[in-house]
């Protein structure tokens, strides 16, 4: 490769440094990624390169496909573009190990496509420069991927076994504090436990979950992570086996092999097993705690997931009753209109209930933001990506990944009554890496 024309004034190849850790320390000092960048700078210098831009994903898992890595996405976007915003051209990438960059085949393909988007680039590892355009370079990367996949599966199996063993011993979950219990996860929270008990009794008596959720909101109740109660979260809370003392693991009620009865946890129960069974009987199976969660099976045996392209990205921009902006997520739902077969709406009770927008309008506005006419916009995505998006060659999940890599969210402002035309300016983007972009404007 002829690299001389891609060097800096000092004769060094400008490269990007990428660092990632799966976990941070309890003090969140990000020491791991700082050490990686330091090593990357030393490695780059040893092999005739210089780090001109850094990309970081601190405490970001790369094994699971549903975990976002904004630093990695930013690196790929800049590689496709050919330069960093402030650092100039990029002609390579340096990392302490391949598994910092990718642990899944999908990410390996994305990385190699971005790195080789222009000729003459290099990958810098601890063992020296690697030519990503040759068969040997690809095989070396593929071997690293194979090792990372095997290691990820082994770690995942160990983690699953650890959680299963804790569950069989009747120990509580190691995650966030469950609603209804104190921080020790064993002792009942005096106020929250009473709310859960009353909600179970009210549901058995025929009360709707919307009514229960509104009552909790009126009382100022928040979840253990600070969120506002809604019918779905309250349903999950009152149908969880832990409310009657039973232990579940990975959506399955655990049975003790010596007694053939459910494993009983070490924590205090809120209601009796009979009451838990009675409240679960009031719901369809697809609504129960045991059948919820990402990609879990529902009544149709299909994998659960977003149904509409912009689900999870839209926030209500209507004015809240107490001032400020509502800010609640907009949900997708069918509509009886040929022009707008589905809408995104702010649900009353969870939000203000005063904002709705046509689904096709939102998605057309998002496409205009991603691929502006004339190519003059806040970002410039690769031309092959635009062609695949518009031709139908890009699938639903891939489109959502593109949206997630570009926007933190999109705010929907209220529409004007009597307006018969689509107003794309109602979709206001919040860009990622806003410090590197001009102040965002609505879609024209």
Protein backbone atom coordinates (compact mmCIF):
# COMPACT_ATOMS: atom_id res chain seq x y z
CA UNK A 1 0.00 0.00 0.00
CA UNK A 2 1.12 3.52 -0.76
CA UNK A 3 0.65 5.32 2.54
CA UNK A 4 2.94 8.29 1.98
CA UNK A 5 0.17 10.47 0.56
CA UNK A 6 -1.93 9.80 3.68
CA UNK A 7 0.63 10.95 6.24
CA UNK A 8 0.81 14.08 8.37
CA UNK A 9 3.52 16.73 8.06
CA UNK A 10 5.67 14.67 10.41
CA UNK A 11 5.35 11.62 8.17
CA UNK A 12 2.94 9.79 10.51
CA UNK A 13 -0.31 8.09 9.50
CA UNK A 14 -3.35 9.74 11.21
CA UNK A 15 -5.44 7.09 12.98
CA UNK A 16 -8.38 6.92 15.36
CA UNK A 17 -8.02 5.39 18.82
CA UNK A 18 -10.94 3.27 20.05
CA UNK A 19 -11.37 2.10 23.66
CA UNK A 20 -14.14 0.11 25.30
CA UNK A 21 -14.79 -1.58 28.63
CA UNK A 22 -17.74 -3.76 29.56
CA UNK A 23 -17.84 -2.49 33.15
CA UNK A 24 -16.58 0.52 35.04
CA UNK A 25 -15.35 0.67 38.63
CA UNK A 26 -17.76 1.46 41.45
CA UNK A 27 -16.42 5.03 41.47
CA UNK A 28 -17.03 5.43 37.70
CA UNK A 29 -13.61 6.93 37.04
CA UNK A 30 -13.30 5.37 33.55
CA UNK A 31 -9.74 4.33 34.24
CA UNK A 32 -9.94 1.30 31.96
CA UNK A 33 -10.69 3.26 28.79
CA UNK A 34 -8.13 5.92 29.70
CA UNK A 35 -5.46 3.24 30.01
CA UNK A 36 -6.48 1.78 26.64
CA UNK A 37 -6.15 5.15 24.91
CA UNK A 38 -2.72 5.61 26.49
CA UNK A 39 -1.62 2.21 25.18
CA UNK A 40 -3.10 3.00 21.77
CA UNK A 41 -1.08 6.21 21.52
CA UNK A 42 2.11 4.30 22.36
CA UNK A 43 1.29 1.52 19.88
CA UNK A 44 0.50 4.02 17.13
CA UNK A 45 3.80 5.84 17.64
CA UNK A 46 5.74 2.55 17.55
CA UNK A 47 4.30 1.77 14.11
CA UNK A 48 4.58 5.15 12.42
CA UNK A 49 1.12 6.46 13.24
CA UNK A 50 -0.34 9.24 15.33
CA UNK A 51 -3.72 9.33 17.13
CA UNK A 52 -5.74 12.32 15.92
CA UNK A 53 -9.18 11.36 17.29
CA UNK A 54 -10.46 9.20 20.15
CA UNK A 55 -13.71 7.25 20.41
CA UNK A 56 -14.83 5.76 23.72
CA UNK A 57 -17.50 3.37 24.97
CA UNK A 58 -17.13 3.13 28.72
CA UNK A 59 -19.07 0.35 30.47
CA UNK A 60 -20.63 -0.81 27.17
CA UNK A 61 -21.17 -4.48 26.43
CA UNK A 62 -20.32 -5.61 22.89
CA UNK A 63 -21.61 -9.18 23.12
CA UNK A 64 -25.34 -8.45 23.15
CA UNK A 65 -26.94 -7.02 20.04
CA UNK A 66 -29.44 -4.83 21.91
CA UNK A 67 -26.75 -2.73 23.63
CA UNK A 68 -25.89 0.62 22.09
CA UNK A 69 -22.30 1.75 21.58
CA UNK A 70 -22.41 5.42 20.52
CA UNK A 71 -18.62 5.70 20.36
CA UNK A 72 -18.37 2.74 17.98
CA UNK A 73 -21.20 4.07 15.81
CA UNK A 74 -19.53 7.48 15.74
CA UNK A 75 -16.22 5.90 14.66
CA UNK A 76 -17.90 4.02 11.80
CA UNK A 77 -19.71 7.15 10.63
CA UNK A 78 -16.46 9.12 10.57
CA UNK A 79 -14.65 6.31 8.73
CA UNK A 80 -17.37 6.25 6.06
CA UNK A 81 -17.14 10.04 5.86
CA UNK A 82 -13.35 9.88 5.64
CA UNK A 83 -12.50 12.30 8.39
CA UNK A 84 -13.28 13.33 11.97
CA UNK A 85 -15.10 16.62 12.45
CA UNK A 86 -12.21 18.50 14.03
CA UNK A 87 -9.23 16.19 13.57
CA UNK A 88 -9.13 15.91 9.79
CA UNK A 89 -8.66 12.77 7.65
CA UNK A 90 -8.60 9.30 9.20
CA UNK A 91 -6.45 6.60 7.60
CA UNK A 92 -6.66 3.87 10.17
CA UNK A 93 -7.79 2.61 13.56
CA UNK A 94 -5.80 1.49 16.59
CA UNK A 95 -7.15 -0.64 19.45
CA UNK A 96 -5.54 -2.70 22.22
CA UNK A 97 -7.35 -5.82 20.97
CA UNK A 98 -9.84 -6.78 18.26
CA UNK A 99 -12.50 -7.72 20.82
CA UNK A 100 -12.60 -4.11 22.01
CA UNK A 101 -14.06 -3.25 18.59
CA UNK A 102 -16.23 -6.27 17.84
CA UNK A 103 -17.50 -9.44 19.49
CA UNK A 104 -20.29 -10.24 17.04
CA UNK A 105 -20.15 -11.07 13.31
CA UNK A 106 -22.50 -8.16 12.53
CA UNK A 107 -20.14 -5.64 14.15
CA UNK A 108 -17.11 -7.19 12.43
CA UNK A 109 -18.78 -6.75 9.04
CA UNK A 110 -19.80 -3.16 9.85
CA UNK A 111 -16.31 -2.28 11.04
CA UNK A 112 -14.52 -3.78 8.05
CA UNK A 113 -16.94 -2.09 5.64
CA UNK A 114 -16.30 1.31 7.27
CA UNK A 115 -12.52 0.84 7.57
CA UNK A 116 -12.15 -0.16 3.92
CA UNK A 117 -14.61 2.45 2.60
CA UNK A 118 -11.57 4.21 1.13
CA UNK A 119 -8.35 2.59 -0.15
CA UNK A 120 -5.04 2.74 1.67
CA UNK A 121 -6.18 2.45 5.27
CA UNK A 122 -4.58 0.39 8.04
CA UNK A 123 -5.54 -1.35 11.24
CA UNK A 124 -2.99 -0.96 14.03
CA UNK A 125 -2.78 -3.70 16.67
CA UNK A 126 -0.27 -4.56 19.34
CA UNK A 127 1.48 -6.80 16.81
CA UNK A 128 1.86 -4.07 14.18
CA UNK A 129 0.14 -2.79 11.05
CA UNK A 130 -2.49 -4.98 9.43
CA UNK A 131 -3.66 -4.61 5.84
CA UNK A 132 -7.48 -4.96 5.98
CA UNK A 133 -7.73 -5.33 2.19
CA UNK A 134 -5.79 -8.59 1.92
CA UNK A 135 -6.98 -12.12 2.52
CA UNK A 136 -4.45 -12.52 5.33
CA UNK A 137 -5.73 -9.38 7.05
CA UNK A 138 -9.34 -10.54 6.82
CA UNK A 139 -8.47 -14.01 8.10
CA UNK A 140 -6.64 -12.54 11.06
CA UNK A 141 -9.67 -10.42 11.92
CA UNK A 142 -12.00 -13.40 11.44
CA UNK A 143 -9.88 -15.54 13.78
CA UNK A 144 -10.08 -12.85 16.43
CA UNK A 145 -13.85 -12.72 15.93
CA UNK A 146 -14.16 -16.49 16.35
CA UNK A 147 -12.24 -16.34 19.61
CA UNK A 148 -14.32 -13.40 20.86
CA UNK A 149 -17.60 -15.19 20.04
CA UNK A 150 -16.46 -18.33 21.86
CA UNK A 151 -15.34 -16.33 24.87
CA UNK A 152 -18.61 -14.39 24.91
CA UNK A 153 -20.66 -17.59 24.89
CA UNK A 154 -18.56 -19.05 27.70
CA UNK A 155 -18.97 -15.91 29.82
CA UNK A 156 -22.70 -15.82 29.10
CA UNK A 157 -23.05 -19.46 30.18
CA UNK A 158 -21.13 -18.79 33.39
CA UNK A 159 -23.32 -15.78 34.17
CA UNK A 160 -26.51 -17.75 33.49
CA UNK A 161 -25.30 -20.60 35.71
CA UNK A 162 -24.45 -18.16 38.48
CA UNK A 163 -27.91 -16.57 38.39
CA UNK A 164 -29.62 -19.99 38.24
CA UNK A 165 -27.67 -21.23 41.28
CA UNK A 166 -28.62 -18.12 43.25
CA UNK A 167 -32.24 -18.58 42.23
CA UNK A 168 -32.30 -22.25 43.31
CA UNK A 169 -30.94 -21.16 46.70
CA UNK A 170 -33.86 -18.75 47.02
CA UNK A 171 -31.64 -15.65 46.93
CA UNK A 172 -33.06 -12.42 45.48
CA UNK A 173 -32.16 -10.91 42.12
CA UNK A 174 -28.85 -9.07 41.93
CA UNK A 175 -30.23 -6.26 39.76
CA UNK A 176 -32.01 -3.05 40.77
CA UNK A 177 -34.11 -3.06 43.91
CA UNK A 178 -37.56 -4.51 43.17
CA UNK A 179 -40.54 -2.27 43.89
CA UNK A 180 -42.01 -3.23 47.25
CA UNK A 181 -38.78 -4.13 49.06
CA UNK A 182 -35.98 -2.23 50.76
CA UNK A 183 -32.41 -2.11 49.47
CA UNK A 184 -31.59 -5.46 51.12
CA UNK A 185 -34.22 -6.98 48.75
CA UNK A 186 -35.48 -9.08 51.67
CA UNK A 187 -37.43 -6.67 53.88
CA UNK A 188 -40.75 -5.20 52.75
CA UNK A 189 -40.89 -1.48 52.01
CA UNK A 190 -43.70 -0.26 54.32
CA UNK A 191 -45.33 2.06 51.76
CA UNK A 192 -44.59 0.34 48.45
CA UNK A 193 -45.55 -3.13 49.70
CA UNK A 194 -48.92 -1.82 50.82
CA UNK A 195 -49.49 -0.25 47.39
CA UNK A 196 -48.70 -3.58 45.70
CA UNK A 197 -51.02 -5.49 48.06
CA UNK A 198 -53.87 -3.05 47.45
CA UNK A 199 -53.32 -3.13 43.67
CA UNK A 200 -53.54 -6.94 43.67
CA UNK A 201 -56.75 -6.86 45.72
CA UNK A 202 -58.24 -4.14 43.48
CA UNK A 203 -57.38 -6.06 40.32
CA UNK A 204 -58.96 -9.25 41.63
CA UNK A 205 -62.05 -7.17 42.46
CA UNK A 206 -62.27 -6.03 38.83
CA UNK A 207 -60.45 -2.72 38.75
CA UNK A 208 -58.52 -1.80 35.58
CA UNK A 209 -54.75 -1.31 35.56
CA UNK A 210 -55.19 2.15 34.08
CA UNK A 211 -57.12 3.18 37.17
CA UNK A 212 -54.46 1.73 39.47
CA UNK A 213 -51.66 3.45 37.53
CA UNK A 214 -53.44 6.82 37.63
CA UNK A 215 -53.92 6.44 41.38
CA UNK A 216 -50.20 5.78 41.86
CA UNK A 217 -49.32 8.80 39.73
CA UNK A 218 -51.70 11.00 41.76
CA UNK A 219 -49.97 9.82 44.95
CA UNK A 220 -46.59 10.81 43.53
CA UNK A 221 -45.32 7.23 43.34
CA UNK A 222 -42.23 6.57 41.22
CA UNK A 223 -40.47 3.35 40.29
CA UNK A 224 -37.16 2.29 41.77
CA UNK A 225 -35.44 3.93 38.80
CA UNK A 226 -37.48 7.12 39.00
CA UNK A 227 -40.01 6.39 36.24
CA UNK A 228 -43.73 7.17 36.39
CA UNK A 229 -46.08 4.19 36.84
CA UNK A 230 -48.09 3.04 33.84
CA UNK A 231 -50.46 0.08 33.36
CA UNK A 232 -47.73 -2.15 31.90
CA UNK A 233 -45.20 -1.61 34.68
CA UNK A 234 -47.83 -2.02 37.41
CA UNK A 235 -48.95 -5.27 35.74
CA UNK A 236 -45.39 -6.55 35.79
CA UNK A 237 -45.02 -5.66 39.46
CA UNK A 238 -48.19 -7.37 40.70
CA UNK A 239 -47.81 -10.51 38.55
CA UNK A 240 -44.15 -11.10 39.44
CA UNK A 241 -43.79 -14.39 41.38
CA UNK A 242 -41.74 -12.61 44.02
CA UNK A 243 -44.88 -10.94 45.43
CA UNK A 244 -45.92 -14.29 46.94
CA UNK A 245 -42.38 -15.43 47.72
CA UNK A 246 -41.78 -17.66 44.68
CA UNK A 247 -38.49 -17.56 42.77
CA UNK A 248 -38.25 -17.31 38.99
CA UNK A 249 -35.27 -17.27 36.65
CA UNK A 250 -35.20 -16.16 33.00
CA UNK A 251 -39.00 -16.04 32.82
CA UNK A 252 -39.49 -19.51 34.29
CA UNK A 253 -40.93 -20.41 37.70
CA UNK A 254 -38.33 -22.60 39.42
CA UNK A 255 -39.42 -25.94 40.89
CA UNK A 256 -37.51 -27.62 43.74
CA UNK A 257 -36.53 -31.15 42.58
CA UNK A 258 -37.03 -32.71 46.01
CA UNK A 259 -40.55 -31.35 46.59
CA UNK A 260 -41.87 -30.61 43.07
CA UNK A 261 -43.09 -27.31 44.45
CA UNK A 262 -42.02 -23.76 43.52
CA UNK A 263 -38.75 -22.59 45.05
CA UNK A 264 -39.48 -20.16 47.90
CA UNK A 265 -37.26 -17.10 48.20
CA UNK A 266 -35.61 -15.77 51.33
CA UNK A 267 -37.50 -12.45 51.21
CA UNK A 268 -40.77 -11.45 52.85
CA UNK A 269 -43.87 -12.06 50.71
CA UNK A 270 -46.50 -9.38 50.08
CA UNK A 271 -49.47 -11.68 49.33
CA UNK A 272 -50.23 -15.40 49.49
CA UNK A 273 -49.63 -17.78 46.56
CA UNK A 274 -53.41 -18.10 46.16
CA UNK A 275 -53.76 -14.33 45.73
CA UNK A 276 -50.91 -14.27 43.20
CA UNK A 277 -52.54 -17.07 41.21
CA UNK A 278 -55.87 -15.23 41.32
CA UNK A 279 -54.45 -11.93 40.08
CA UNK A 280 -52.50 -13.65 37.26
CA UNK A 281 -55.74 -15.29 36.12
CA UNK A 282 -57.19 -11.84 35.37
CA UNK A 283 -54.63 -11.23 32.60
CA UNK A 284 -53.91 -12.78 29.23
CA UNK A 285 -50.69 -14.80 29.20
CA UNK A 286 -48.94 -12.22 27.01
CA UNK A 287 -49.34 -9.60 29.74
CA UNK A 288 -47.90 -11.61 32.61
CA UNK A 289 -44.50 -10.97 34.14
CA UNK A 290 -43.38 -14.46 33.14
CA UNK A 291 -43.99 -13.69 29.46
CA UNK A 292 -42.62 -10.16 29.28
CA UNK A 293 -39.24 -8.70 28.45
CA UNK A 294 -37.24 -8.18 25.25
CA UNK A 295 -37.72 -10.91 22.62
CA UNK A 296 -39.79 -13.07 24.99
CA UNK A 297 -42.53 -15.35 23.60
CA UNK A 298 -46.12 -14.08 23.63
CA UNK A 299 -49.47 -15.71 22.90
CA UNK A 300 -48.73 -15.84 19.19
CA UNK A 301 -45.34 -17.51 19.76
CA UNK A 302 -43.78 -14.61 17.87
CA UNK A 303 -40.84 -12.69 19.28
CA UNK A 304 -41.86 -9.43 20.83
CA UNK A 305 -40.31 -6.26 19.50
CA UNK A 306 -41.14 -2.81 18.14
CA UNK A 307 -43.93 -2.87 15.58
CA UNK A 308 -43.42 0.62 14.16
CA UNK A 309 -40.16 2.07 12.87
CA UNK A 310 -39.99 5.11 15.17
CA UNK A 311 -41.21 3.37 18.34
CA UNK A 312 -39.05 4.28 21.31
CA UNK A 313 -37.48 7.33 19.61
CA UNK A 314 -40.33 9.88 19.80
CA UNK A 315 -41.04 12.18 22.74
CA UNK A 316 -44.02 14.44 23.31
CA UNK A 317 -43.24 18.13 22.86
CA UNK A 318 -46.58 19.43 24.16
CA UNK A 319 -46.67 21.75 27.14
CA UNK A 320 -47.23 19.94 30.44
CA UNK A 321 -49.86 21.08 32.93
CA UNK A 322 -47.28 22.19 35.48
CA UNK A 323 -45.17 23.96 32.88
CA UNK A 324 -42.31 22.72 30.78
CA UNK A 325 -42.56 19.97 28.19
CA UNK A 326 -44.40 16.66 28.64
CA UNK A 327 -41.47 14.58 27.36
CA UNK A 328 -43.24 11.20 27.47
CA UNK A 329 -42.58 8.55 24.83
CA UNK A 330 -45.13 8.36 22.02
CA UNK A 331 -46.57 4.93 21.28
CA UNK A 332 -47.69 3.59 17.91
CA UNK A 333 -51.24 2.45 17.26
CA UNK A 334 -53.48 1.67 14.27
CA UNK A 335 -55.66 4.40 12.79
CA UNK A 336 -58.71 4.27 10.55
CA UNK A 337 -57.21 6.41 7.80
CA UNK A 338 -55.98 5.45 4.36
CA UNK A 339 -53.35 8.20 4.42
CA UNK A 340 -52.20 7.45 7.96
CA UNK A 341 -52.79 3.76 8.74
CA UNK A 342 -51.12 4.25 12.11
CA UNK A 343 -50.29 7.15 14.42
CA UNK A 344 -47.86 7.90 17.21
CA UNK A 345 -49.69 9.29 20.24
CA UNK A 346 -48.98 10.51 23.77
CA UNK A 347 -51.15 8.35 26.02
CA UNK A 348 -53.31 10.06 28.64
CA UNK A 349 -52.46 8.96 32.18
CA UNK A 350 -48.86 8.26 31.31
CA UNK A 351 -48.42 11.58 29.51
CA UNK A 352 -50.47 14.65 28.64
CA UNK A 353 -52.55 12.88 25.96
CA UNK A 354 -52.59 16.01 23.78
CA UNK A 355 -50.09 15.15 21.06
CA UNK A 356 -50.44 12.80 18.09
CA UNK A 357 -48.84 12.58 14.67
CA UNK A 358 -49.19 10.48 11.53
CA UNK A 359 -46.82 7.50 11.42
CA UNK A 360 -45.91 7.86 7.70
CA UNK A 361 -45.30 11.59 8.26
CA UNK A 362 -42.79 10.87 11.03
CA UNK A 363 -40.95 8.27 9.01
CA UNK A 364 -40.81 10.51 5.94
CA UNK A 365 -39.39 13.30 8.13
CA UNK A 366 -36.76 10.94 9.58
CA UNK A 367 -35.72 9.90 6.07
CA UNK A 368 -35.34 13.56 5.08
CA UNK A 369 -33.13 14.17 8.12
CA UNK A 370 -30.95 11.14 7.42
CA UNK A 371 -30.69 11.72 3.68
CA UNK A 372 -31.31 15.43 2.98
CA UNK A 373 -31.99 16.60 -0.54
CA UNK A 374 -28.83 17.72 -2.27
CA UNK A 375 -26.73 16.06 0.43
CA UNK A 376 -26.54 19.28 2.45
CA UNK A 377 -27.59 18.50 6.00
CA UNK A 378 -26.33 17.96 9.53
CA UNK A 379 -24.83 14.60 8.59
CA UNK A 380 -23.77 12.75 5.47
CA UNK A 381 -24.40 9.04 5.48
CA UNK A 382 -22.86 6.76 2.84
CA UNK A 383 -24.61 6.76 -0.54
CA UNK A 384 -25.05 2.93 -0.58
CA UNK A 385 -26.94 3.24 2.71
CA UNK A 386 -29.32 5.80 1.18
CA UNK A 387 -29.94 3.58 -1.85
CA UNK A 388 -30.65 0.51 0.28
CA UNK A 389 -32.95 2.49 2.61
CA UNK A 390 -35.06 3.92 -0.21
CA UNK A 391 -35.08 0.83 -2.41
CA UNK A 392 -36.36 -1.45 0.34
CA UNK A 393 -33.08 -3.37 0.57
CA UNK A 394 -32.58 -2.34 4.20
CA UNK A 395 -34.60 -4.30 6.76
CA UNK A 396 -36.69 -2.99 9.64
CA UNK A 397 -34.16 -3.72 12.39
CA UNK A 398 -31.25 -2.29 10.41
CA UNK A 399 -33.18 0.93 9.82
CA UNK A 400 -33.83 1.23 13.56
CA UNK A 401 -30.10 0.78 14.22
CA UNK A 402 -29.31 3.59 11.79
CA UNK A 403 -31.82 5.86 13.54
CA UNK A 404 -30.39 4.97 16.96
CA UNK A 405 -26.86 5.71 15.79
CA UNK A 406 -27.78 9.24 14.62
CA UNK A 407 -30.45 10.53 17.04
CA UNK A 408 -30.77 10.43 20.81
CA UNK A 409 -34.51 11.05 20.28
CA UNK A 410 -36.94 13.12 18.20
CA UNK A 411 -39.40 15.55 19.77
CA UNK A 412 -42.90 15.83 18.26
CA UNK A 413 -44.45 19.26 18.63
CA UNK A 414 -48.27 19.65 18.69
CA UNK A 415 -50.00 20.08 15.34
CA UNK A 416 -52.27 22.92 14.25
CA UNK A 417 -55.99 22.29 13.98
CA UNK A 418 -57.34 22.48 10.45
CA UNK A 419 -53.94 22.04 8.82
CA UNK A 420 -54.53 19.78 5.81
CA UNK A 421 -50.90 19.33 4.80
CA UNK A 422 -48.08 17.40 6.38
CA UNK A 423 -45.83 19.62 8.47
CA UNK A 424 -42.38 18.00 8.64
CA UNK A 425 -41.13 20.72 10.98
CA UNK A 426 -43.09 19.08 13.81
CA UNK A 427 -40.34 16.44 13.99
CA UNK A 428 -37.45 18.07 15.86
CA UNK A 429 -34.29 15.92 16.07
CA UNK A 430 -31.89 15.69 18.99
CA UNK A 431 -28.64 14.62 17.33
CA UNK A 432 -25.96 12.49 18.86
CA UNK A 433 -22.58 14.21 19.25
CA UNK A 434 -24.46 17.52 19.45
CA UNK A 435 -21.21 19.23 20.49
CA UNK A 436 -19.86 18.47 17.01
CA UNK A 437 -22.92 19.68 15.09
CA UNK A 438 -24.67 22.97 14.62
CA UNK A 439 -27.82 23.62 16.64
CA UNK A 440 -30.48 21.28 15.15
CA UNK A 441 -33.37 22.73 13.20
CA UNK A 442 -36.74 21.14 12.44
CA UNK A 443 -37.22 19.37 9.12
CA UNK A 444 -38.15 21.78 6.36
